[in-house]
Amino acid sequence: MRIALRALIALACIVAVIVARPTVGWGSLAVMLFALLVLLALLADYNRKYR
């Protein structure tokens, strides 16, 4: 269940970046940066158990 939720969140972030990419402006930049932040947080959470 937790893996599926993480996969859906990662997919949503990737879709948000793809949708916001062709638009120029501060709003689309904020969307892309937030999606990147969420993806990095997911990666950090995944790597935490391998320390």
Protein backbone atom coordinates (compact mmCIF):
# COMPACT_ATOMS: atom_id res chain seq x y z
CA MET A 1 0.00 0.00 0.00
CA ARG A 2 2.76 2.43 0.95
CA ILE A 3 4.74 1.63 -2.20
CA ALA A 4 1.70 2.26 -4.39
CA LEU A 5 1.05 5.59 -2.67
CA ARG A 6 4.66 6.68 -3.20
CA ALA A 7 4.49 5.62 -6.85
CA LEU A 8 1.30 7.64 -7.37
CA ILE A 9 2.84 10.70 -5.72
CA ALA A 10 5.97 10.39 -7.87
CA LEU A 11 3.87 9.97 -11.01
CA ALA A 12 1.79 13.03 -10.11
CA CYS A 13 4.95 15.09 -9.66
CA ILE A 14 6.34 13.97 -13.00
CA VAL A 15 3.05 14.81 -14.72
CA ALA A 16 3.03 18.24 -13.02
CA VAL A 17 6.51 18.98 -14.37
CA ILE A 18 5.57 17.85 -17.88
CA VAL A 19 2.40 19.95 -17.87
CA ALA A 20 4.10 23.07 -16.44
CA ARG A 21 7.18 22.88 -18.68
CA PRO A 22 5.89 24.64 -21.82
CA THR A 23 4.44 27.54 -19.81
CA VAL A 24 6.74 30.45 -19.07
CA GLY A 25 6.28 32.27 -15.79
CA TRP A 26 6.82 32.25 -12.07
CA GLY A 27 3.80 30.06 -11.40
CA SER A 28 4.99 27.21 -13.58
CA LEU A 29 8.47 27.53 -12.11
CA ALA A 30 6.99 27.23 -8.61
CA VAL A 31 5.04 24.12 -9.64
CA MET A 32 8.15 22.49 -11.07
CA LEU A 33 10.28 23.36 -8.03
CA PHE A 34 7.63 22.02 -5.66
CA ALA A 35 7.40 18.79 -7.66
CA LEU A 36 11.19 18.47 -7.53
CA LEU A 37 11.14 19.02 -3.78
CA VAL A 38 8.54 16.28 -3.32
CA LEU A 39 10.51 13.87 -5.52
CA LEU A 40 13.68 14.56 -3.51
CA ALA A 41 11.76 14.00 -0.27
CA LEU A 42 10.48 10.66 -1.58
CA LEU A 43 14.00 9.67 -2.56
CA ALA A 44 15.37 10.67 0.85
CA ASP A 45 12.65 8.69 2.62
CA TYR A 46 13.38 5.65 0.43
CA ASN A 47 17.13 5.85 1.09
CA ARG A 48 16.70 6.33 4.84
CA LYS A 49 16.22 2.60 5.45
CA TYR A 50 19.55 1.79 3.75
CA ARG A 51 21.75 3.90 6.03
